[in-house]
Amino acid sequence: MQDHRKNPRLLGSMGKHFPRTHALAAGAASFALALTLFISPPEVEAKRTALPVSLSAPEEAPVIAEAVAEPEVNASASVMEGLRVVQETVRNGDTLSDLFQRAGISSAEMYQLLASGKEAKQLAKLVPGEELTFQINGEGSLQTLELHRDRLSKVEFSRDSSDEYKYALHQRQPDSYTAFRQAEIQSSLFVDGSKAGLSNNLIMEMADIFGSDIDFALDIRKGDSFSVVFNEEFLDGEKIGNGAIQAVTFTNQGKTFSAVRYTDSNGDTNYFTPDGKSMRKAFIRTPVDIGRISSHFNPRRLHPIFKTRRPHNGTDYAAPRGTPVYSAGDGRVIKAGYSKANGNYVFVQHGERYITRYLHLNKRSVKRGQRVKQRQVIGTVGSTGYATGPHLHYEFLVDGHHRNPATIVRQLPKAKAIPSAEMARFQAQTQPLIAQLERFGQPALAQNQDESDETKDSVN
């Protein structure tokens, strides 16, 4: 191949074929084409940059979505157009102010809502796990707030045309189905009840029903058994919880106790024996559900700290710190305070003759002068005052004299029985429940078998 740079003929002929004017014209055309491309980007590039970009929000960021109107626009749908929806879940330590701030709503809006009525005051008492849904307009003003307490109830505050918030409560009814469980005690009521498929709440409810007849901290023995009929509740095909116990039997040391649930003509619900006697005595056997007796009533006891003979005028129940302590009966708090010996204490007056005392509490939940109901929580187990460990010291006084709390309640009368005028209604409502117990398991007795033994001491 010839080198053009060394061949003058070739160089000359090429110069003649591309004159200078042609080269200038070609350069101008190239410049114009480049300018056109710079001013008008290709259509493909414009479409690419216009595609929406999806960014994943941080894990704890509020969920925000645009409210979408229905195809057929109506009045309510028109109001919803353009609203921003923010969902927040209450976390530990959250206040209402924190939730409003995360939703991007001013404190002034929050105070206006809280001042709208007494129903709004419940927003100041939020529980972790509850959900709030905010609907906010384009100006950042709150239009609707929904508080989801649980899957069955929703509280709604909505702003009306007069700029005032209106309150509404929405509740759903679950589907209810009858369930049956039974078990024999091999370890403890809680362990064997759980194995049988009972929730802790149902086990506690069963202990409450028989609380006047059975000391679940002292009387339970291996070989005891129970049968229980209750309701299971479902929502949209999913189990969401249990309803109340409908009928139950408990055999303790050879004695069988039976109870059925009955709602009287006044709407009051209680538990009764199958023949209409109330399961509720004036006082429950023990003011704690779990624990053991660590020291019995003993007027000549040797004090564990001072090592001297000092009367032990009550019963000590050893239980974990924080265990709920219940009022043994209906009454009025006559003293609630702290002393060096008793620690935190509560004294309750029941009518004219009876007083119960609760010592060494970790916390008190009631105040002097307050009325209390049977099994109302009045404090928690602790070790304040002269105490060697967490326990409840429980005293029972009759006409000013100390009596043994473990035996005195057996001698006290029960609440009123079903009146004769309502017996037919009672039987119509409860006989199907008794039939369910008989069909599923242990027959329910017509009368509990403790009538002749009420004055005997409990087995130690």
Protein backbone atom coordinates (compact mmCIF):
# COMPACT_ATOMS: atom_id res chain seq x y z
CA MET A 1 0.00 0.00 0.00
CA GLN A 2 1.21 3.43 -0.88
CA ASP A 3 1.71 6.09 1.72
CA HIS A 4 -0.48 9.11 0.75
CA ARG A 5 1.83 11.44 2.58
CA LYS A 6 4.65 10.46 0.16
CA ASN A 7 2.53 10.62 -3.07
CA PRO A 8 1.99 14.21 -4.26
CA ARG A 9 -0.44 13.12 -6.96
CA LEU A 10 -2.81 11.58 -4.53
CA LEU A 11 -2.63 14.60 -2.27
CA GLY A 12 -3.35 16.92 -5.12
CA SER A 13 -6.31 14.95 -6.42
CA MET A 14 -7.93 14.77 -2.94
CA GLY A 15 -7.60 18.49 -2.47
CA LYS A 16 -9.32 19.13 -5.74
CA HIS A 17 -12.23 16.68 -4.89
CA PHE A 18 -13.09 18.46 -1.54
CA PRO A 19 -12.84 22.18 -2.04
CA ARG A 20 -12.68 24.49 1.00
CA THR A 21 -16.29 25.70 0.55
CA HIS A 22 -17.60 22.18 0.79
CA ALA A 23 -15.72 21.55 4.01
CA LEU A 24 -17.16 24.70 5.56
CA ALA A 25 -20.70 23.70 4.58
CA ALA A 26 -20.28 20.26 6.12
CA GLY A 27 -19.04 21.78 9.39
CA ALA A 28 -22.01 24.12 9.57
CA ALA A 29 -24.43 21.25 9.05
CA SER A 30 -22.79 19.23 11.84
CA PHE A 31 -23.04 22.20 14.23
CA ALA A 32 -26.75 22.68 13.44
CA LEU A 33 -27.49 19.00 14.08
CA ALA A 34 -25.68 19.07 17.44
CA LEU A 35 -27.55 22.24 18.44
CA THR A 36 -30.88 20.61 17.63
CA LEU A 37 -30.08 17.57 19.73
CA PHE A 38 -29.04 19.75 22.67
CA ILE A 39 -32.21 21.85 22.66
CA SER A 40 -34.72 18.96 22.13
CA PRO A 41 -33.79 15.80 24.11
CA PRO A 42 -34.95 12.52 22.62
CA GLU A 43 -38.50 11.44 23.48
CA VAL A 44 -37.25 8.19 24.99
CA GLU A 45 -35.04 10.03 27.49
CA ALA A 46 -37.96 12.30 28.54
CA LYS A 47 -40.19 9.31 29.27
CA ARG A 48 -37.52 7.61 31.35
CA THR A 49 -36.99 10.56 33.67
CA ALA A 50 -40.75 10.95 34.15
CA LEU A 51 -41.20 7.43 35.63
CA PRO A 52 -42.21 7.45 39.36
CA VAL A 53 -39.50 6.54 41.85
CA SER A 54 -40.39 4.20 44.75
CA LEU A 55 -38.45 4.77 47.97
CA SER A 56 -38.78 2.42 50.97
CA ALA A 57 -39.53 4.40 54.12
CA PRO A 58 -37.71 3.73 57.42
CA GLU A 59 -39.22 0.92 59.44
CA GLU A 60 -40.78 3.19 62.08
CA ALA A 61 -42.02 5.89 59.70
CA PRO A 62 -45.78 6.52 59.70
CA VAL A 63 -47.77 4.89 56.93
CA ILE A 64 -49.10 7.61 54.63
CA ALA A 65 -51.55 7.01 51.80
CA GLU A 66 -53.76 9.22 49.67
CA ALA A 67 -57.49 8.73 50.27
CA VAL A 68 -59.08 7.44 47.06
CA ALA A 69 -62.60 8.49 46.15
CA GLU A 70 -65.17 5.97 44.95
CA PRO A 71 -65.97 6.02 41.21
CA GLU A 72 -69.46 7.33 42.00
CA VAL A 73 -68.73 10.51 43.91
CA ASN A 74 -71.17 11.25 46.77
CA ALA A 75 -71.18 13.85 49.52
CA SER A 76 -68.96 11.92 51.95
CA ALA A 77 -66.58 10.91 49.19
CA SER A 78 -66.22 14.56 48.13
CA VAL A 79 -65.20 15.51 51.65
CA MET A 80 -62.59 12.74 51.61
CA GLU A 81 -60.97 13.94 48.39
CA GLY A 82 -57.50 15.34 48.94
CA LEU A 83 -57.16 14.08 52.53
CA ARG A 84 -53.91 12.62 53.72
CA VAL A 85 -54.22 9.50 55.91
CA VAL A 86 -51.58 8.83 58.57
CA GLN A 87 -51.58 5.71 60.75
CA GLU A 88 -49.64 5.62 64.02
CA THR A 89 -49.17 2.84 66.58
CA VAL A 90 -48.75 3.86 70.22
CA ARG A 91 -45.27 2.97 71.50
CA ASN A 92 -44.00 2.69 75.06
CA GLY A 93 -43.67 6.16 76.53
CA ASP A 94 -45.72 7.86 73.81
CA THR A 95 -47.96 10.79 74.67
CA LEU A 96 -50.75 12.17 72.51
CA SER A 97 -48.48 15.12 71.73
CA ASP A 98 -45.83 12.73 70.34
CA LEU A 99 -48.36 11.10 68.04
CA PHE A 100 -49.70 14.43 66.76
CA GLN A 101 -46.16 15.62 66.14
CA ARG A 102 -45.28 12.48 64.15
CA ALA A 103 -48.47 12.93 62.13
CA GLY A 104 -47.50 16.54 61.35
CA ILE A 105 -50.42 18.18 63.18
CA SER A 106 -50.02 21.25 65.38
CA SER A 107 -50.49 21.29 69.15
CA ALA A 108 -53.30 23.81 68.72
CA GLU A 109 -55.29 21.21 66.79
CA MET A 110 -54.66 18.67 69.56
CA TYR A 111 -55.86 21.02 72.30
CA GLN A 112 -58.98 21.86 70.29
CA LEU A 113 -59.79 18.15 70.05
CA LEU A 114 -59.17 17.52 73.78
CA ALA A 115 -61.49 20.42 74.65
CA SER A 116 -64.31 19.08 72.46
CA GLY A 117 -65.92 17.02 75.24
CA LYS A 118 -65.43 14.50 78.03
CA GLU A 119 -65.14 11.64 75.53
CA ALA A 120 -61.92 13.16 74.16
CA LYS A 121 -60.27 12.84 77.59
CA GLN A 122 -59.72 9.13 76.93
CA LEU A 123 -57.11 10.12 74.33
CA ALA A 124 -54.86 11.15 77.20
CA LYS A 125 -54.79 7.51 78.41
CA LEU A 126 -53.31 5.57 75.52
CA VAL A 127 -51.98 2.02 75.77
CA PRO A 128 -48.98 0.72 73.77
CA GLY A 129 -50.19 -1.21 70.75
CA GLU A 130 -53.31 0.87 70.16
CA GLU A 131 -53.61 2.40 66.70
CA LEU A 132 -54.61 5.92 65.67
CA THR A 133 -55.65 6.94 62.17
CA PHE A 134 -55.43 10.65 61.26
CA GLN A 135 -57.18 12.19 58.24
CA ILE A 136 -55.62 15.56 57.42
CA ASN A 137 -56.59 18.12 54.79
CA GLY A 138 -54.21 19.98 52.51
CA GLU A 139 -53.83 22.82 55.02
CA GLY A 140 -52.62 20.43 57.72
CA SER A 141 -55.85 20.55 59.75
CA LEU A 142 -57.15 17.40 61.39
CA GLN A 143 -60.49 16.31 59.94
CA THR A 144 -60.95 12.88 61.55
CA LEU A 145 -59.17 10.87 64.25
CA GLU A 146 -59.90 7.20 64.81
CA LEU A 147 -58.67 5.36 67.91
CA HIS A 148 -58.65 1.57 67.50
CA ARG A 149 -58.76 0.18 71.04
CA ASP A 150 -58.95 -3.37 69.72
CA ARG A 151 -60.38 -5.26 66.77
CA LEU A 152 -63.93 -4.89 68.05
CA SER A 153 -64.14 -1.22 69.03
CA LYS A 154 -63.22 2.02 67.32
CA VAL A 155 -63.59 5.56 68.69
CA GLU A 156 -64.02 8.32 66.10
CA PHE A 157 -63.74 12.11 66.37
CA SER A 158 -64.75 13.94 63.19
CA ARG A 159 -64.83 17.68 62.44
CA ASP A 160 -68.24 18.95 61.29
CA SER A 161 -69.23 21.98 59.23
CA SER A 162 -69.19 24.21 62.33
CA ASP A 163 -65.54 23.32 62.98
CA GLU A 164 -66.46 21.24 66.05
CA TYR A 165 -65.46 17.63 66.73
CA LYS A 166 -68.22 15.03 67.07
CA TYR A 167 -67.74 11.75 68.95
CA ALA A 168 -68.88 8.30 67.77
CA LEU A 169 -68.25 4.78 69.06
CA HIS A 170 -68.26 1.91 66.56
CA GLN A 171 -68.39 -1.66 67.85
CA ARG A 172 -68.44 -5.03 66.12
CA GLN A 173 -69.94 -8.18 67.59
CA PRO A 174 -67.83 -11.34 67.30
CA ASP A 175 -69.23 -14.76 66.50
CA SER A 176 -69.48 -16.92 69.64
CA TYR A 177 -69.19 -20.71 69.85
CA THR A 178 -69.40 -23.07 72.83
CA ALA A 179 -66.17 -24.76 73.96
CA PHE A 180 -65.45 -27.39 76.62
CA ARG A 181 -62.27 -28.22 78.56
CA GLN A 182 -61.51 -30.57 81.44
CA ALA A 183 -58.38 -31.68 83.28
CA GLU A 184 -57.06 -33.41 86.36
CA ILE A 185 -54.59 -31.57 88.57
CA GLN A 186 -51.16 -33.18 88.48
CA SER A 187 -48.90 -30.19 89.06
CA SER A 188 -50.88 -26.98 89.69
CA LEU A 189 -54.05 -25.28 88.57
CA PHE A 190 -52.17 -22.97 86.22
CA VAL A 191 -49.92 -25.63 84.67
CA ASP A 192 -52.65 -28.22 84.13
CA GLY A 193 -55.25 -25.64 83.15
CA SER A 194 -52.89 -24.29 80.49
CA LYS A 195 -52.22 -27.79 79.19
CA ALA A 196 -55.97 -28.32 78.86
CA GLY A 197 -56.19 -25.22 76.65
CA LEU A 198 -57.44 -22.62 79.12
CA SER A 199 -56.08 -19.09 78.98
CA ASN A 200 -54.70 -17.45 82.11
CA ASN A 201 -57.78 -15.22 82.25
CA LEU A 202 -60.13 -18.23 82.25
CA ILE A 203 -58.10 -19.93 84.98
CA MET A 204 -58.26 -16.77 87.09
CA GLU A 205 -62.00 -16.49 86.42
CA MET A 206 -62.53 -20.08 87.59
CA ALA A 207 -60.56 -19.33 90.77
CA ASP A 208 -62.70 -16.25 91.27
CA ILE A 209 -65.96 -18.19 90.91
CA PHE A 210 -64.97 -20.70 93.60
CA GLY A 211 -63.00 -18.18 95.68
CA SER A 212 -65.49 -18.37 98.57
CA ASP A 213 -65.35 -22.18 98.74
CA ILE A 214 -61.82 -23.20 97.75
CA ASP A 215 -58.54 -21.74 98.93
CA PHE A 216 -56.50 -22.05 95.73
CA ALA A 217 -53.32 -21.17 97.60
CA LEU A 218 -53.80 -23.93 100.19
CA ASP A 219 -56.53 -26.48 99.38
CA ILE A 220 -55.55 -27.72 95.89
CA ARG A 221 -54.40 -31.36 95.78
CA LYS A 222 -53.10 -33.72 93.11
CA GLY A 223 -56.08 -35.58 91.68
CA ASP A 224 -58.46 -32.60 91.88
CA SER A 225 -60.29 -32.02 88.59
CA PHE A 226 -62.43 -29.52 86.75
CA SER A 227 -64.78 -29.27 83.76
CA VAL A 228 -65.67 -25.94 82.20
CA VAL A 229 -67.99 -24.71 79.44
CA PHE A 230 -67.18 -21.28 77.99
CA ASN A 231 -67.49 -19.29 74.78
CA GLU A 232 -64.80 -18.82 72.13
CA GLU A 233 -65.07 -15.64 70.09
CA PHE A 234 -64.21 -15.34 66.38
CA LEU A 235 -63.99 -12.37 64.04
CA ASP A 236 -63.88 -12.92 60.28
CA GLY A 237 -63.13 -16.59 60.89
CA GLU A 238 -60.18 -15.92 63.22
CA LYS A 239 -60.25 -16.57 66.97
CA ILE A 240 -59.75 -13.35 68.87
CA GLY A 241 -60.39 -14.44 72.46
CA ASN A 242 -62.61 -16.17 74.97
CA GLY A 243 -65.94 -15.18 76.41
CA ALA A 244 -67.08 -15.72 79.99
CA ILE A 245 -67.36 -19.10 81.69
CA GLN A 246 -70.93 -20.37 81.32
CA ALA A 247 -70.83 -23.43 83.58
CA VAL A 248 -68.08 -25.09 85.61
CA THR A 249 -67.47 -27.85 88.15
CA PHE A 250 -64.44 -28.28 90.38
CA THR A 251 -63.75 -31.35 92.51
CA ASN A 252 -61.47 -30.52 95.42
CA GLN A 253 -60.42 -33.23 97.88
CA GLY A 254 -63.49 -35.31 97.00
CA LYS A 255 -66.02 -32.45 97.15
CA THR A 256 -67.58 -31.23 93.92
CA PHE A 257 -68.60 -27.59 93.53
CA SER A 258 -70.71 -26.46 90.58
CA ALA A 259 -71.61 -23.04 89.22
CA VAL A 260 -73.63 -21.59 86.35
CA ARG A 261 -73.69 -18.06 84.95
CA TYR A 262 -77.01 -16.22 85.18
CA THR A 263 -78.13 -12.72 84.15
CA ASP A 264 -81.19 -11.64 86.13
CA SER A 265 -84.11 -9.50 85.00
CA ASN A 266 -82.24 -6.35 86.10
CA GLY A 267 -79.28 -7.16 83.87
CA ASP A 268 -76.95 -8.16 86.73
CA THR A 269 -74.78 -11.21 86.05
CA ASN A 270 -73.44 -13.53 88.74
CA TYR A 271 -72.66 -17.21 89.36
CA PHE A 272 -74.97 -19.54 91.27
CA THR A 273 -75.19 -23.19 92.24
CA PRO A 274 -77.50 -25.21 89.97
CA ASP A 275 -80.29 -24.89 92.56
CA GLY A 276 -80.02 -21.08 92.72
CA LYS A 277 -77.74 -20.37 95.70
CA SER A 278 -75.20 -17.60 95.19
CA MET A 279 -71.56 -18.61 94.73
CA ARG A 280 -70.56 -15.31 96.27
CA LYS A 281 -70.03 -15.08 100.02
CA ALA A 282 -69.61 -11.83 101.87
CA PHE A 283 -65.82 -12.44 101.76
CA ILE A 284 -63.47 -14.36 99.47
CA ARG A 285 -61.23 -16.98 101.04
CA THR A 286 -57.92 -15.38 100.08
CA PRO A 287 -57.03 -11.85 98.94
CA VAL A 288 -54.40 -13.16 96.46
CA ASP A 289 -54.82 -15.65 93.62
CA ILE A 290 -51.35 -17.15 93.66
CA GLY A 291 -48.97 -17.76 96.51
CA ARG A 292 -48.51 -19.99 99.54
CA ILE A 293 -49.12 -19.54 103.24
CA SER A 294 -45.73 -18.80 104.76
CA SER A 295 -47.02 -18.11 108.27
CA HIS A 296 -50.36 -19.07 109.83
CA PHE A 297 -52.51 -17.22 112.34
CA ASN A 298 -50.79 -17.87 115.67
CA PRO A 299 -51.31 -15.80 118.85
CA ARG A 300 -48.06 -17.27 120.33
CA ARG A 301 -45.73 -17.07 117.33
CA LEU A 302 -41.99 -16.43 117.65
CA HIS A 303 -41.33 -13.26 115.62
CA PRO A 304 -38.85 -14.00 112.79
CA ILE A 305 -36.99 -10.68 113.19
CA PHE A 306 -37.18 -9.80 116.87
CA LYS A 307 -37.06 -13.44 118.13
CA THR A 308 -39.61 -12.74 120.84
CA ARG A 309 -43.08 -14.14 121.49
CA ARG A 310 -45.43 -11.86 119.64
CA PRO A 311 -48.91 -12.79 118.45
CA HIS A 312 -49.25 -13.26 114.72
CA ASN A 313 -52.74 -11.91 114.25
CA GLY A 314 -53.06 -12.73 110.57
CA THR A 315 -52.03 -15.02 107.74
CA ASP A 316 -48.96 -14.40 105.58
CA TYR A 317 -49.14 -15.22 101.87
CA ALA A 318 -45.75 -15.42 100.18
CA ALA A 319 -46.08 -14.30 96.55
CA PRO A 320 -43.97 -12.55 93.92
CA ARG A 321 -43.57 -8.82 94.26
CA GLY A 322 -46.29 -7.04 92.29
CA THR A 323 -48.92 -9.79 92.68
CA PRO A 324 -52.40 -8.13 92.82
CA VAL A 325 -54.03 -7.91 96.26
CA TYR A 326 -57.85 -7.87 96.33
CA SER A 327 -60.33 -6.50 98.81
CA ALA A 328 -61.91 -9.52 100.51
CA GLY A 329 -65.36 -7.93 100.38
CA ASP A 330 -67.36 -4.81 99.64
CA GLY A 331 -66.52 -1.94 101.95
CA ARG A 332 -64.87 1.42 102.57
CA VAL A 333 -61.17 2.19 103.02
CA ILE A 334 -60.76 3.57 106.53
CA LYS A 335 -56.94 3.80 106.51
CA ALA A 336 -54.32 3.79 103.76
CA GLY A 337 -50.77 4.89 104.40
CA TYR A 338 -47.27 3.92 105.50
CA SER A 339 -45.70 3.07 108.85
CA LYS A 340 -42.28 1.78 109.85
CA ALA A 341 -43.63 -1.60 110.98
CA ASN A 342 -46.46 -2.19 108.50
CA GLY A 343 -44.92 -0.60 105.44
CA ASN A 344 -47.62 0.34 102.92
CA TYR A 345 -50.97 -0.75 104.33
CA VAL A 346 -54.73 -0.60 103.62
CA PHE A 347 -57.55 -1.16 106.13
CA VAL A 348 -61.09 -1.81 104.85
CA GLN A 349 -64.32 -1.59 106.90
CA HIS A 350 -67.09 -4.01 105.85
CA GLY A 351 -70.38 -3.01 107.41
CA GLU A 352 -70.43 -2.51 111.17
CA ARG A 353 -68.72 -5.70 112.38
CA TYR A 354 -65.86 -6.58 110.04
CA ILE A 355 -62.45 -5.06 109.20
CA THR A 356 -59.75 -6.51 106.96
CA ARG A 357 -56.13 -5.35 106.98
CA TYR A 358 -53.47 -5.68 104.26
CA LEU A 359 -49.83 -4.99 105.21
CA HIS A 360 -46.35 -4.77 103.58
CA LEU A 361 -47.75 -3.75 100.19
CA ASN A 362 -45.42 -2.72 97.42
CA LYS A 363 -47.94 -0.17 96.15
CA ARG A 364 -51.36 1.06 97.29
CA SER A 365 -54.12 1.44 94.68
CA VAL A 366 -56.82 3.04 96.87
CA LYS A 367 -57.19 6.03 99.17
CA ARG A 368 -58.83 6.64 102.52
CA GLY A 369 -62.60 7.10 102.22
CA GLN A 370 -62.82 5.25 98.90
CA ARG A 371 -65.55 2.63 98.37
CA VAL A 372 -64.29 -0.73 97.12
CA LYS A 373 -65.91 -3.85 95.72
CA GLN A 374 -65.10 -7.48 96.46
CA ARG A 375 -62.03 -8.56 94.44
CA GLN A 376 -61.16 -4.98 93.55
CA VAL A 377 -57.38 -4.52 93.39
CA ILE A 378 -56.31 -2.40 96.37
CA GLY A 379 -52.53 -2.86 96.05
CA THR A 380 -49.72 -5.25 95.19
CA VAL A 381 -47.58 -7.66 97.21
CA GLY A 382 -44.33 -6.18 98.51
CA SER A 383 -41.86 -6.29 101.40
CA THR A 384 -42.16 -2.81 102.89
CA GLY A 385 -41.94 -2.31 106.66
CA TYR A 386 -40.78 -5.15 108.92
CA ALA A 387 -40.77 -7.92 106.31
CA THR A 388 -38.16 -10.54 105.47
CA GLY A 389 -39.38 -10.99 101.89
CA PRO A 390 -42.27 -10.28 99.52
CA HIS A 391 -45.54 -11.36 101.13
CA LEU A 392 -48.97 -10.13 102.15
CA HIS A 393 -49.90 -10.02 105.84
CA TYR A 394 -53.69 -10.34 105.97
CA GLU A 395 -55.82 -9.79 109.10
CA PHE A 396 -59.53 -10.30 109.74
CA LEU A 397 -61.27 -8.61 112.69
CA VAL A 398 -64.81 -9.32 113.95
CA ASP A 399 -66.20 -6.80 116.44
CA GLY A 400 -62.66 -5.55 117.05
CA HIS A 401 -61.15 -9.00 117.76
CA HIS A 402 -58.70 -10.82 115.50
CA ARG A 403 -59.96 -14.05 113.96
CA ASN A 404 -58.22 -16.66 111.83
CA PRO A 405 -58.65 -15.48 108.21
CA ALA A 406 -58.30 -19.05 106.90
CA THR A 407 -61.38 -20.28 108.76
CA ILE A 408 -63.62 -17.31 109.54
CA VAL A 409 -65.03 -16.85 106.04
CA ARG A 410 -66.47 -20.39 106.08
CA GLN A 411 -68.70 -19.33 108.96
CA LEU A 412 -70.07 -16.24 107.22
CA PRO A 413 -73.31 -16.30 105.17
CA LYS A 414 -73.39 -16.24 101.39
CA ALA A 415 -75.10 -13.57 99.32
CA LYS A 416 -78.80 -13.85 98.58
CA ALA A 417 -80.15 -16.74 96.51
CA ILE A 418 -82.37 -16.47 93.45
CA PRO A 419 -85.81 -15.20 94.61
CA SER A 420 -88.71 -17.60 94.09
CA ALA A 421 -90.38 -15.18 91.67
CA GLU A 422 -87.39 -15.49 89.31
CA MET A 423 -86.65 -19.20 89.76
CA ALA A 424 -88.48 -20.25 86.57
CA ARG A 425 -86.46 -17.75 84.54
CA PHE A 426 -83.25 -18.91 86.22
CA GLN A 427 -83.92 -22.56 85.42
CA ALA A 428 -84.82 -21.83 81.80
CA GLN A 429 -81.52 -19.99 81.32
CA THR A 430 -79.20 -22.32 83.25
CA GLN A 431 -80.55 -25.85 82.67
CA PRO A 432 -79.14 -25.98 79.12
CA LEU A 433 -75.71 -25.07 80.57
CA ILE A 434 -75.95 -27.87 83.13
CA ALA A 435 -76.97 -30.25 80.33
CA GLN A 436 -73.84 -29.24 78.40
CA LEU A 437 -71.63 -30.09 81.37
CA GLU A 438 -73.36 -33.46 81.74
CA ARG A 439 -73.04 -34.16 78.03
CA PHE A 440 -69.39 -33.11 77.77
CA GLY A 441 -68.03 -34.44 81.04
CA GLN A 442 -68.65 -34.49 84.76
CA PRO A 443 -72.31 -34.13 85.90
CA ALA A 444 -73.11 -30.97 87.81
CA LEU A 445 -74.55 -31.53 91.26
CA ALA A 446 -77.84 -29.98 92.28
CA GLN A 447 -76.21 -28.63 95.42
CA ASN A 448 -72.57 -28.02 96.32
CA GLN A 449 -71.25 -30.49 98.85
CA ASP A 450 -69.76 -28.11 101.38
CA GLU A 451 -72.93 -27.24 103.28
CA SER A 452 -72.20 -29.50 106.28
CA ASP A 453 -68.49 -28.66 106.43
CA GLU A 454 -68.55 -24.86 106.52
CA THR A 455 -67.21 -24.63 110.06
CA LYS A 456 -64.26 -27.03 109.58
CA ASP A 457 -60.75 -25.70 109.32
CA SER A 458 -58.97 -25.86 105.96
CA VAL A 459 -56.47 -28.66 105.43
CA ASN A 460 -52.91 -27.53 106.13
